[in-house]
Amino acid sequence: MDRINLRGSGNTSAAAAALKALPGVQQIDVSATGLLLTVSDGPSLLPAIVTGAGNAGMTLTTVEIARPDLESVFLHLTGKALRD
Protein backbone atom coordinates (compact mmCIF):
# COMPACT_ATOMS: atom_id res chain seq x y z
CA MET A 1 0.00 0.00 0.00
CA ASP A 2 1.20 3.47 -0.87
CA ARG A 3 0.31 6.68 0.93
CA ILE A 4 -0.42 9.88 -0.95
CA ASN A 5 -0.46 13.17 0.94
CA LEU A 6 -2.42 15.95 -0.77
CA ARG A 7 -1.99 19.38 0.75
CA GLY A 8 -3.95 22.38 -0.32
CA SER A 9 -7.07 24.41 0.19
CA GLY A 10 -10.65 24.45 -0.97
CA ASN A 11 -13.32 21.84 -0.55
CA THR A 12 -11.40 18.94 0.99
CA SER A 13 -14.61 17.17 2.08
CA ALA A 14 -15.93 17.07 -1.50
CA ALA A 15 -12.52 15.95 -2.75
CA ALA A 16 -12.43 13.13 -0.18
CA ALA A 17 -15.90 11.95 -1.25
CA ALA A 18 -14.95 12.03 -4.94
CA LEU A 19 -11.63 10.24 -4.44
CA LYS A 20 -13.14 7.51 -2.26
CA ALA A 21 -15.06 6.32 -5.34
CA LEU A 22 -11.85 5.69 -7.31
CA PRO A 23 -10.80 2.04 -7.63
CA GLY A 24 -7.64 1.37 -5.64
CA VAL A 25 -8.31 3.99 -2.96
CA GLN A 26 -8.46 2.09 0.35
CA GLN A 27 -8.74 4.86 2.94
CA ILE A 28 -8.85 8.66 3.15
CA ASP A 29 -8.05 10.73 6.23
CA VAL A 30 -9.04 14.41 6.17
CA SER A 31 -6.84 16.85 8.08
CA ALA A 32 -6.68 20.61 8.46
CA THR A 33 -4.03 20.81 5.73
CA GLY A 34 -5.43 18.33 3.20
CA LEU A 35 -5.95 14.62 2.60
CA LEU A 36 -3.93 11.50 3.34
CA LEU A 37 -4.85 8.58 1.07
CA THR A 38 -3.92 4.93 1.36
CA VAL A 39 -3.96 3.40 -2.13
CA SER A 40 -3.01 0.16 -3.83
CA ASP A 41 -0.69 1.65 -6.49
CA GLY A 42 0.18 5.31 -5.99
CA PRO A 43 2.07 6.08 -9.21
CA SER A 44 -0.63 4.69 -11.50
CA LEU A 45 -3.50 6.31 -9.55
CA LEU A 46 -1.85 9.72 -9.15
CA PRO A 47 -3.21 11.34 -12.35
CA ALA A 48 -6.81 10.35 -11.50
CA ILE A 49 -6.36 11.50 -7.89
CA VAL A 50 -5.00 14.92 -8.84
CA THR A 51 -7.72 15.39 -11.46
CA GLY A 52 -10.47 14.22 -9.10
CA ALA A 53 -9.34 16.51 -6.28
CA GLY A 54 -9.20 19.50 -8.63
CA ASN A 55 -12.61 18.77 -10.15
CA ALA A 56 -14.09 18.54 -6.62
CA GLY A 57 -12.86 22.05 -5.76
CA MET A 58 -9.55 21.40 -4.02
CA THR A 59 -6.53 23.51 -4.99
CA LEU A 60 -3.39 21.43 -4.48
CA THR A 61 -0.13 22.94 -3.29
CA THR A 62 1.82 19.73 -2.51
CA VAL A 63 1.52 16.09 -3.59
CA GLU A 64 3.73 13.44 -1.96
CA ILE A 65 3.84 9.68 -2.50
CA ALA A 66 5.32 7.46 0.21
CA ARG A 67 6.03 3.83 -0.66
CA PRO A 68 6.54 1.45 2.25
CA ASP A 69 10.00 0.04 2.92
CA LEU A 70 10.70 -3.54 4.01
CA GLU A 71 10.70 -2.63 7.71
CA SER A 72 7.27 -0.96 7.43
CA VAL A 73 5.82 -4.01 5.70
CA PHE A 74 7.30 -6.34 8.36
CA LEU A 75 5.90 -4.16 11.16
CA HIS A 76 2.47 -4.09 9.51
CA LEU A 77 2.39 -7.88 9.08
CA THR A 78 3.85 -8.93 12.45
CA GLY A 79 3.15 -6.02 14.74
CA LYS A 80 6.83 -6.03 15.81
CA ALA A 81 9.86 -4.09 14.64
CA LEU A 82 12.79 -5.97 13.16
CA ARG A 83 14.86 -5.49 16.33
CA ASP A 84 12.15 -6.49 18.86
PDB file of N, CA and C in Angstrom:
ATOM      1  N   MET A   1       0.826  -1.190   0.000  1.00  0.00           N
ATOM      2  CA  MET A   1       0.000   0.000   0.000  1.00  0.00           C
ATOM      3  C   MET A   1       0.867   1.249   0.000  1.00  0.00           C
ATOM      4  N   ASP A   2       0.520   2.183  -0.810  1.00  0.00           N
ATOM      5  CA  ASP A   2       1.205   3.475  -0.869  1.00  0.00           C
ATOM      6  C   ASP A   2       0.364   4.509  -0.140  1.00  0.00           C
ATOM      7  N   ARG A   3       1.022   5.567   0.310  1.00  0.00           N
ATOM      8  CA  ARG A   3       0.305   6.678   0.931  1.00  0.00           C
ATOM      9  C   ARG A   3       0.562   7.927   0.098  1.00  0.00           C
ATOM     10  N   ILE A   4      -0.514   8.635  -0.189  1.00  0.00           N
ATOM     11  CA  ILE A   4      -0.419   9.883  -0.952  1.00  0.00           C
ATOM     12  C   ILE A   4      -0.933  11.004  -0.072  1.00  0.00           C
ATOM     13  N   ASN A   5      -0.108  12.015   0.120  1.00  0.00           N
ATOM     14  CA  ASN A   5      -0.456  13.171   0.936  1.00  0.00           C
ATOM     15  C   ASN A   5      -0.764  14.331  -0.007  1.00  0.00           C
ATOM     16  N   LEU A   6      -1.995  14.795   0.032  1.00  0.00           N
ATOM     17  CA  LEU A   6      -2.420  15.946  -0.771  1.00  0.00           C
ATOM     18  C   LEU A   6      -2.600  17.128   0.163  1.00  0.00           C
ATOM     19  N   ARG A   7      -1.829  18.164  -0.049  1.00  0.00           N
ATOM     20  CA  ARG A   7      -1.990  19.383   0.749  1.00  0.00           C
ATOM     21  C   ARG A   7      -2.526  20.474  -0.148  1.00  0.00           C
ATOM     22  N   GLY A   8      -3.389  21.284   0.443  1.00  0.00           N
ATOM     23  CA  GLY A   8      -3.950  22.381  -0.324  1.00  0.00           C
ATOM     24  C   GLY A   8      -5.127  23.002   0.394  1.00  0.00           C
ATOM     25  N   SER A   9      -5.920  23.715  -0.374  1.00  0.00           N
ATOM     26  CA  SER A   9      -7.072  24.411   0.188  1.00  0.00           C
ATOM     27  C   SER A   9      -8.282  24.142  -0.674  1.00  0.00           C
ATOM     28  N   GLY A  10      -9.407  24.645  -0.222  1.00  0.00           N
ATOM     29  CA  GLY A  10     -10.646  24.448  -0.966  1.00  0.00           C
ATOM     30  C   GLY A  10     -11.521  23.413  -0.288  1.00  0.00           C
ATOM     31  N   ASN A  11     -12.329  22.763  -1.073  1.00  0.00           N
ATOM     32  CA  ASN A  11     -13.322  21.835  -0.552  1.00  0.00           C
ATOM     33  C   ASN A  11     -12.733  20.437  -0.372  1.00  0.00           C
ATOM     34  N   THR A  12     -12.038  20.235   0.753  1.00  0.00           N
ATOM     35  CA  THR A  12     -11.402  18.943   0.995  1.00  0.00           C
ATOM     36  C   THR A  12     -12.425  17.837   1.249  1.00  0.00           C
ATOM     37  N   SER A  13     -13.566  18.183   1.824  1.00  0.00           N
ATOM     38  CA  SER A  13     -14.609  17.171   2.076  1.00  0.00           C
ATOM     39  C   SER A  13     -15.164  16.627   0.768  1.00  0.00           C
ATOM     40  N   ALA A  14     -15.430  17.510  -0.188  1.00  0.00           N
ATOM     41  CA  ALA A  14     -15.929  17.067  -1.495  1.00  0.00           C
ATOM     42  C   ALA A  14     -14.861  16.267  -2.229  1.00  0.00           C
ATOM     43  N   ALA A  15     -13.604  16.684  -2.106  1.00  0.00           N
ATOM     44  CA  ALA A  15     -12.515  15.952  -2.745  1.00  0.00           C
ATOM     45  C   ALA A  15     -12.395  14.558  -2.147  1.00  0.00           C
ATOM     46  N   ALA A  16     -12.510  14.439  -0.826  1.00  0.00           N
ATOM     47  CA  ALA A  16     -12.435  13.129  -0.175  1.00  0.00           C
ATOM     48  C   ALA A  16     -13.553  12.220  -0.661  1.00  0.00           C
ATOM     49  N   ALA A  17     -14.757  12.747  -0.776  1.00  0.00           N
ATOM     50  CA  ALA A  17     -15.895  11.945  -1.252  1.00  0.00           C
ATOM     51  C   ALA A  17     -15.679  11.494  -2.692  1.00  0.00           C
ATOM     52  N   ALA A  18     -15.173  12.373  -3.528  1.00  0.00           N
ATOM     53  CA  ALA A  18     -14.949  12.026  -4.937  1.00  0.00           C
ATOM     54  C   ALA A  18     -13.838  10.994  -5.083  1.00  0.00           C
ATOM     55  N   LEU A  19     -12.772  11.143  -4.317  1.00  0.00           N
ATOM     56  CA  LEU A  19     -11.634  10.238  -4.437  1.00  0.00           C
ATOM     57  C   LEU A  19     -11.920   8.864  -3.847  1.00  0.00           C
ATOM     58  N   LYS A  20     -12.797   8.793  -2.867  1.00  0.00           N
ATOM     59  CA  LYS A  20     -13.142   7.508  -2.256  1.00  0.00           C
ATOM     60  C   LYS A  20     -13.782   6.571  -3.282  1.00  0.00           C
ATOM     61  N   ALA A  21     -14.409   7.123  -4.304  1.00  0.00           N
ATOM     62  CA  ALA A  21     -15.061   6.319  -5.339  1.00  0.00           C
ATOM     63  C   ALA A  21     -14.075   5.733  -6.348  1.00  0.00           C
ATOM     64  N   LEU A  22     -12.827   6.194  -6.347  1.00  0.00           N
ATOM     65  CA  LEU A  22     -11.846   5.688  -7.310  1.00  0.00           C
ATOM     66  C   LEU A  22     -11.410   4.271  -6.937  1.00  0.00           C
ATOM     67  N   PRO A  23     -11.315   3.374  -7.921  1.00  0.00           N
ATOM     68  CA  PRO A  23     -10.803   2.039  -7.626  1.00  0.00           C
ATOM     69  C   PRO A  23      -9.345   2.113  -7.184  1.00  0.00           C
ATOM     70  N   GLY A  24      -9.004   1.376  -6.160  1.00  0.00           N
ATOM     71  CA  GLY A  24      -7.644   1.373  -5.641  1.00  0.00           C
ATOM     72  C   GLY A  24      -7.449   2.250  -4.432  1.00  0.00           C
ATOM     73  N   VAL A  25      -8.401   3.143  -4.145  1.00  0.00           N
ATOM     74  CA  VAL A  25      -8.311   3.993  -2.956  1.00  0.00           C
ATOM     75  C   VAL A  25      -8.894   3.205  -1.785  1.00  0.00           C
ATOM     76  N   GLN A  26      -8.053   2.903  -0.793  1.00  0.00           N
ATOM     77  CA  GLN A  26      -8.462   2.088   0.346  1.00  0.00           C
ATOM     78  C   GLN A  26      -9.012   2.919   1.498  1.00  0.00           C
ATOM     79  N   GLN A  27      -8.361   4.055   1.774  1.00  0.00           N
ATOM     80  CA  GLN A  27      -8.738   4.863   2.935  1.00  0.00           C
ATOM     81  C   GLN A  27      -8.359   6.312   2.672  1.00  0.00           C
ATOM     82  N   ILE A  28      -9.147   7.230   3.241  1.00  0.00           N
ATOM     83  CA  ILE A  28      -8.845   8.656   3.148  1.00  0.00           C
ATOM     84  C   ILE A  28      -9.015   9.273   4.522  1.00  0.00           C
ATOM     85  N   ASP A  29      -7.983   9.986   4.971  1.00  0.00           N
ATOM     86  CA  ASP A  29      -8.047  10.729   6.228  1.00  0.00           C
ATOM     87  C   ASP A  29      -8.000  12.212   5.887  1.00  0.00           C
ATOM     88  N   VAL A  30      -8.966  12.970   6.407  1.00  0.00           N
ATOM     89  CA  VAL A  30      -9.044  14.411   6.170  1.00  0.00           C
ATOM     90  C   VAL A  30      -8.386  15.122   7.343  1.00  0.00           C
ATOM     91  N   SER A  31      -7.485  16.050   7.035  1.00  0.00           N
ATOM     92  CA  SER A  31      -6.835  16.849   8.085  1.00  0.00           C
ATOM     93  C   SER A  31      -7.056  18.328   7.785  1.00  0.00           C
ATOM     94  N   ALA A  32      -6.542  19.163   8.654  1.00  0.00           N
ATOM     95  CA  ALA A  32      -6.683  20.607   8.465  1.00  0.00           C
ATOM     96  C   ALA A  32      -5.914  21.096   7.249  1.00  0.00           C
ATOM     97  N   THR A  33      -4.864  20.361   6.848  1.00  0.00           N
ATOM     98  CA  THR A  33      -4.031  20.813   5.733  1.00  0.00           C
ATOM     99  C   THR A  33      -4.296  20.080   4.428  1.00  0.00           C
ATOM    100  N   GLY A  34      -5.147  19.061   4.442  1.00  0.00           N
ATOM    101  CA  GLY A  34      -5.428  18.335   3.205  1.00  0.00           C
ATOM    102  C   GLY A  34      -5.930  16.925   3.433  1.00  0.00           C
ATOM    103  N   LEU A  35      -5.482  16.005   2.579  1.00  0.00           N
ATOM    104  CA  LEU A  35      -5.949  14.624   2.604  1.00  0.00           C
ATOM    105  C   LEU A  35      -4.763  13.671   2.627  1.00  0.00           C
ATOM    106  N   LEU A  36      -4.918  12.561   3.336  1.00  0.00           N
ATOM    107  CA  LEU A  36      -3.931  11.501   3.338  1.00  0.00           C
ATOM    108  C   LEU A  36      -4.632  10.239   2.850  1.00  0.00           C
ATOM    109  N   LEU A  37      -4.207   9.740   1.687  1.00  0.00           N
ATOM    110  CA  LEU A  37      -4.854   8.581   1.069  1.00  0.00           C
ATOM    111  C   LEU A  37      -3.970   7.351   1.198  1.00  0.00           C
ATOM    112  N   THR A  38      -4.596   6.218   1.425  1.00  0.00           N
ATOM    113  CA  THR A  38      -3.922   4.930   1.358  1.00  0.00           C
ATOM    114  C   THR A  38      -4.458   4.253   0.106  1.00  0.00           C
ATOM    115  N   VAL A  39      -3.552   3.917  -0.815  1.00  0.00           N
ATOM    116  CA  VAL A  39      -3.963   3.404  -2.129  1.00  0.00           C
ATOM    117  C   VAL A  39      -3.154   2.153  -2.477  1.00  0.00           C
ATOM    118  N   SER A  40      -3.671   1.396  -3.441  1.00  0.00           N
ATOM    119  CA  SER A  40      -3.007   0.160  -3.828  1.00  0.00           C
ATOM    120  C   SER A  40      -1.783   0.400  -4.705  1.00  0.00           C
ATOM    121  N   ASP A  41      -1.811   1.377  -5.593  1.00  0.00           N
ATOM    122  CA  ASP A  41      -0.685   1.653  -6.487  1.00  0.00           C
ATOM    123  C   ASP A  41      -0.628   3.152  -6.763  1.00  0.00           C
ATOM    124  N   GLY A  42       0.122   3.855  -5.925  1.00  0.00           N
ATOM    125  CA  GLY A  42       0.180   5.307  -5.986  1.00  0.00           C
ATOM    126  C   GLY A  42       0.556   5.900  -7.327  1.00  0.00           C
ATOM    127  N   PRO A  43       1.662   5.459  -7.946  1.00  0.00           N
ATOM    128  CA  PRO A  43       2.067   6.076  -9.207  1.00  0.00           C
ATOM    129  C   PRO A  43       1.026   5.963 -10.322  1.00  0.00           C
ATOM    130  N   SER A  44       0.349   4.831 -10.420  1.00  0.00           N
ATOM    131  CA  SER A  44      -0.627   4.692 -11.504  1.00  0.00           C
ATOM    132  C   SER A  44      -1.931   5.434 -11.206  1.00  0.00           C
ATOM    133  N   LEU A  45      -2.262   5.618  -9.921  1.00  0.00           N
ATOM    134  CA  LEU A  45      -3.497   6.315  -9.554  1.00  0.00           C
ATOM    135  C   LEU A  45      -3.331   7.824  -9.456  1.00  0.00           C
ATOM    136  N   LEU A  46      -2.097   8.296  -9.399  1.00  0.00           N
ATOM    137  CA  LEU A  46      -1.855   9.717  -9.153  1.00  0.00           C
ATOM    138  C   LEU A  46      -2.549  10.660 -10.136  1.00  0.00           C
ATOM    139  N   PRO A  47      -2.513  10.415 -11.444  1.00  0.00           N
ATOM    140  CA  PRO A  47      -3.208  11.342 -12.350  1.00  0.00           C
ATOM    141  C   PRO A  47      -4.711  11.452 -12.055  1.00  0.00           C
ATOM    142  N   ALA A  48      -5.373  10.329 -11.801  1.00  0.00           N
ATOM    143  CA  ALA A  48      -6.808  10.355 -11.504  1.00  0.00           C
ATOM    144  C   ALA A  48      -7.079  11.042 -10.169  1.00  0.00           C
ATOM    145  N   ILE A  49      -6.188  10.873  -9.204  1.00  0.00           N
ATOM    146  CA  ILE A  49      -6.361  11.497  -7.891  1.00  0.00           C
ATOM    147  C   ILE A  49      -6.222  13.011  -7.993  1.00  0.00           C
ATOM    148  N   VAL A  50      -5.201  13.478  -8.694  1.00  0.00           N
ATOM    149  CA  VAL A  50      -4.996  14.922  -8.843  1.00  0.00           C
ATOM    150  C   VAL A  50      -6.160  15.546  -9.605  1.00  0.00           C
ATOM    151  N   THR A  51      -6.586  14.891 -10.680  1.00  0.00           N
ATOM    152  CA  THR A  51      -7.720  15.394 -11.464  1.00  0.00           C
ATOM    153  C   THR A  51      -9.000  15.407 -10.637  1.00  0.00           C
ATOM    154  N   GLY A  52      -9.256  14.319  -9.921  1.00  0.00           N
ATOM    155  CA  GLY A  52     -10.469  14.224  -9.101  1.00  0.00           C
ATOM    156  C   GLY A  52     -10.518  15.257  -8.000  1.00  0.00           C
ATOM    157  N   ALA A  53      -9.381  15.498  -7.338  1.00  0.00           N
ATOM    158  CA  ALA A  53      -9.339  16.505  -6.281  1.00  0.00           C
ATOM    159  C   ALA A  53      -9.595  17.895  -6.853  1.00  0.00           C
ATOM    160  N   GLY A  54      -8.986  18.195  -7.988  1.00  0.00           N
ATOM    161  CA  GLY A  54      -9.197  19.497  -8.626  1.00  0.00           C
ATOM    162  C   GLY A  54     -10.627  19.696  -9.086  1.00  0.00           C
ATOM    163  N   ASN A  55     -11.217  18.674  -9.688  1.00  0.00           N
ATOM    164  CA  ASN A  55     -12.608  18.769 -10.145  1.00  0.00           C
ATOM    165  C   ASN A  55     -13.586  18.932  -8.989  1.00  0.00           C
ATOM    166  N   ALA A  56     -13.209  18.434  -7.796  1.00  0.00           N
ATOM    167  CA  ALA A  56     -14.087  18.542  -6.624  1.00  0.00           C
ATOM    168  C   ALA A  56     -13.905  19.869  -5.886  1.00  0.00           C
ATOM    169  N   GLY A  57     -13.011  20.728  -6.363  1.00  0.00           N
ATOM    170  CA  GLY A  57     -12.858  22.050  -5.763  1.00  0.00           C
ATOM    171  C   GLY A  57     -11.689  22.207  -4.825  1.00  0.00           C
ATOM    172  N   MET A  58     -10.733  21.284  -4.869  1.00  0.00           N
ATOM    173  CA  MET A  58      -9.553  21.401  -4.021  1.00  0.00           C
ATOM    174  C   MET A  58      -8.384  21.928  -4.848  1.00  0.00           C
ATOM    175  N   THR A  59      -7.715  22.960  -4.352  1.00  0.00           N
ATOM    176  CA  THR A  59      -6.532  23.506  -4.995  1.00  0.00           C
ATOM    177  C   THR A  59      -5.305  22.908  -4.313  1.00  0.00           C
ATOM    178  N   LEU A  60      -4.535  22.125  -5.052  1.00  0.00           N
ATOM    179  CA  LEU A  60      -3.389  21.426  -4.481  1.00  0.00           C
ATOM    180  C   LEU A  60      -2.148  22.305  -4.481  1.00  0.00           C
ATOM    181  N   THR A  61      -1.404  22.249  -3.379  1.00  0.00           N
ATOM    182  CA  THR A  61      -0.125  22.941  -3.289  1.00  0.00           C
ATOM    183  C   THR A  61       1.033  21.945  -3.217  1.00  0.00           C
ATOM    184  N   THR A  62       0.785  20.754  -2.659  1.00  0.00           N
ATOM    185  CA  THR A  62       1.818  19.729  -2.513  1.00  0.00           C
ATOM    186  C   THR A  62       1.204  18.351  -2.703  1.00  0.00           C
ATOM    187  N   VAL A  63       1.916  17.495  -3.426  1.00  0.00           N
ATOM    188  CA  VAL A  63       1.523  16.094  -3.586  1.00  0.00           C
ATOM    189  C   VAL A  63       2.750  15.245  -3.290  1.00  0.00           C
ATOM    190  N   GLU A  64       2.622  14.321  -2.328  1.00  0.00           N
ATOM    191  CA  GLU A  64       3.728  13.444  -1.963  1.00  0.00           C
ATOM    192  C   GLU A  64       3.274  11.991  -1.988  1.00  0.00           C
ATOM    193  N   ILE A  65       4.114  11.114  -2.528  1.00  0.00           N
ATOM    194  CA  ILE A  65       3.842   9.676  -2.501  1.00  0.00           C
ATOM    195  C   ILE A  65       4.881   9.022  -1.602  1.00  0.00           C
ATOM    196  N   ALA A  66       4.420   8.210  -0.667  1.00  0.00           N
ATOM    197  CA  ALA A  66       5.323   7.460   0.208  1.00  0.00           C
ATOM    198  C   ALA A  66       5.077   5.980  -0.024  1.00  0.00           C
ATOM    199  N   ARG A  67       6.120   5.279  -0.455  1.00  0.00           N
ATOM    200  CA  ARG A  67       6.032   3.833  -0.661  1.00  0.00           C
ATOM    201  C   ARG A  67       6.638   3.156   0.563  1.00  0.00           C
ATOM    202  N   PRO A  68       6.021   2.099   1.052  1.00  0.00           N
ATOM    203  CA  PRO A  68       6.537   1.452   2.252  1.00  0.00           C
ATOM    204  C   PRO A  68       7.872   0.754   1.996  1.00  0.00           C
ATOM    205  N   ASP A  69       8.746   0.782   3.014  1.00  0.00           N
ATOM    206  CA  ASP A  69       9.995   0.039   2.916  1.00  0.00           C
ATOM    207  C   ASP A  69       9.800  -1.338   3.568  1.00  0.00           C
ATOM    208  N   LEU A  70      10.806  -2.177   3.503  1.00  0.00           N
ATOM    209  CA  LEU A  70      10.699  -3.538   4.014  1.00  0.00           C
ATOM    210  C   LEU A  70      10.379  -3.562   5.507  1.00  0.00           C
ATOM    211  N   GLU A  71      10.962  -2.661   6.268  1.00  0.00           N
ATOM    212  CA  GLU A  71      10.699  -2.632   7.707  1.00  0.00           C
ATOM    213  C   GLU A  71       9.241  -2.273   7.991  1.00  0.00           C
ATOM    214  N   SER A  72       8.675  -1.335   7.249  1.00  0.00           N
ATOM    215  CA  SER A  72       7.274  -0.960   7.430  1.00  0.00           C
ATOM    216  C   SER A  72       6.340  -2.126   7.121  1.00  0.00           C
ATOM    217  N   VAL A  73       6.640  -2.862   6.066  1.00  0.00           N
ATOM    218  CA  VAL A  73       5.819  -4.015   5.705  1.00  0.00           C
ATOM    219  C   VAL A  73       5.910  -5.078   6.798  1.00  0.00           C
ATOM    220  N   PHE A  74       7.108  -5.358   7.300  1.00  0.00           N
ATOM    221  CA  PHE A  74       7.299  -6.339   8.363  1.00  0.00           C
ATOM    222  C   PHE A  74       6.525  -5.931   9.612  1.00  0.00           C
ATOM    223  N   LEU A  75       6.614  -4.666   9.990  1.00  0.00           N
ATOM    224  CA  LEU A  75       5.899  -4.163  11.158  1.00  0.00           C
ATOM    225  C   LEU A  75       4.398  -4.302  10.980  1.00  0.00           C
ATOM    226  N   HIS A  76       3.901  -3.979   9.790  1.00  0.00           N
ATOM    227  CA  HIS A  76       2.467  -4.094   9.510  1.00  0.00           C
ATOM    228  C   HIS A  76       1.994  -5.545   9.608  1.00  0.00           C
ATOM    229  N   LEU A  77       2.790  -6.474   9.100  1.00  0.00           N
ATOM    230  CA  LEU A  77       2.388  -7.881   9.081  1.00  0.00           C
ATOM    231  C   LEU A  77       2.534  -8.570  10.435  1.00  0.00           C
ATOM    232  N   THR A  78       3.580  -8.215  11.196  1.00  0.00           N
ATOM    233  CA  THR A  78       3.849  -8.933  12.445  1.00  0.00           C
ATOM    234  C   THR A  78       3.491  -8.149  13.697  1.00  0.00           C
ATOM    235  N   GLY A  79       3.407  -6.842  13.582  1.00  0.00           N
ATOM    236  CA  GLY A  79       3.153  -6.019  14.743  1.00  0.00           C
ATOM    237  C   GLY A  79       4.402  -5.756  15.579  1.00  0.00           C
ATOM    238  N   LYS A  80       5.566  -6.207  15.089  1.00  0.00           N
ATOM    239  CA  LYS A  80       6.828  -6.025  15.806  1.00  0.00           C
ATOM    240  C   LYS A  80       7.873  -5.436  14.858  1.00  0.00           C
ATOM    241  N   ALA A  81       8.745  -4.622  15.428  1.00  0.00           N
ATOM    242  CA  ALA A  81       9.859  -4.089  14.638  1.00  0.00           C
ATOM    243  C   ALA A  81      10.895  -5.175  14.418  1.00  0.00           C
ATOM    244  N   LEU A  82      11.781  -4.977  13.461  1.00  0.00           N
ATOM    245  CA  LEU A  82      12.793  -5.968  13.161  1.00  0.00           C
ATOM    246  C   LEU A  82      13.704  -6.272  14.346  1.00  0.00           C
ATOM    247  N   ARG A  83      13.925  -5.308  15.203  1.00  0.00           N
ATOM    248  CA  ARG A  83      14.858  -5.487  16.330  1.00  0.00           C
ATOM    249  C   ARG A  83      14.166  -5.901  17.615  1.00  0.00           C
ATOM    250  N   ASP A  84      12.865  -6.084  17.632  1.00  0.00           N
ATOM    251  CA  ASP A  84      12.147  -6.485  18.864  1.00  0.00           C
ATOM    252  C   ASP A  84      12.379  -7.933  19.205  1.00  0.00           C
TER     253      ASP A  84
END
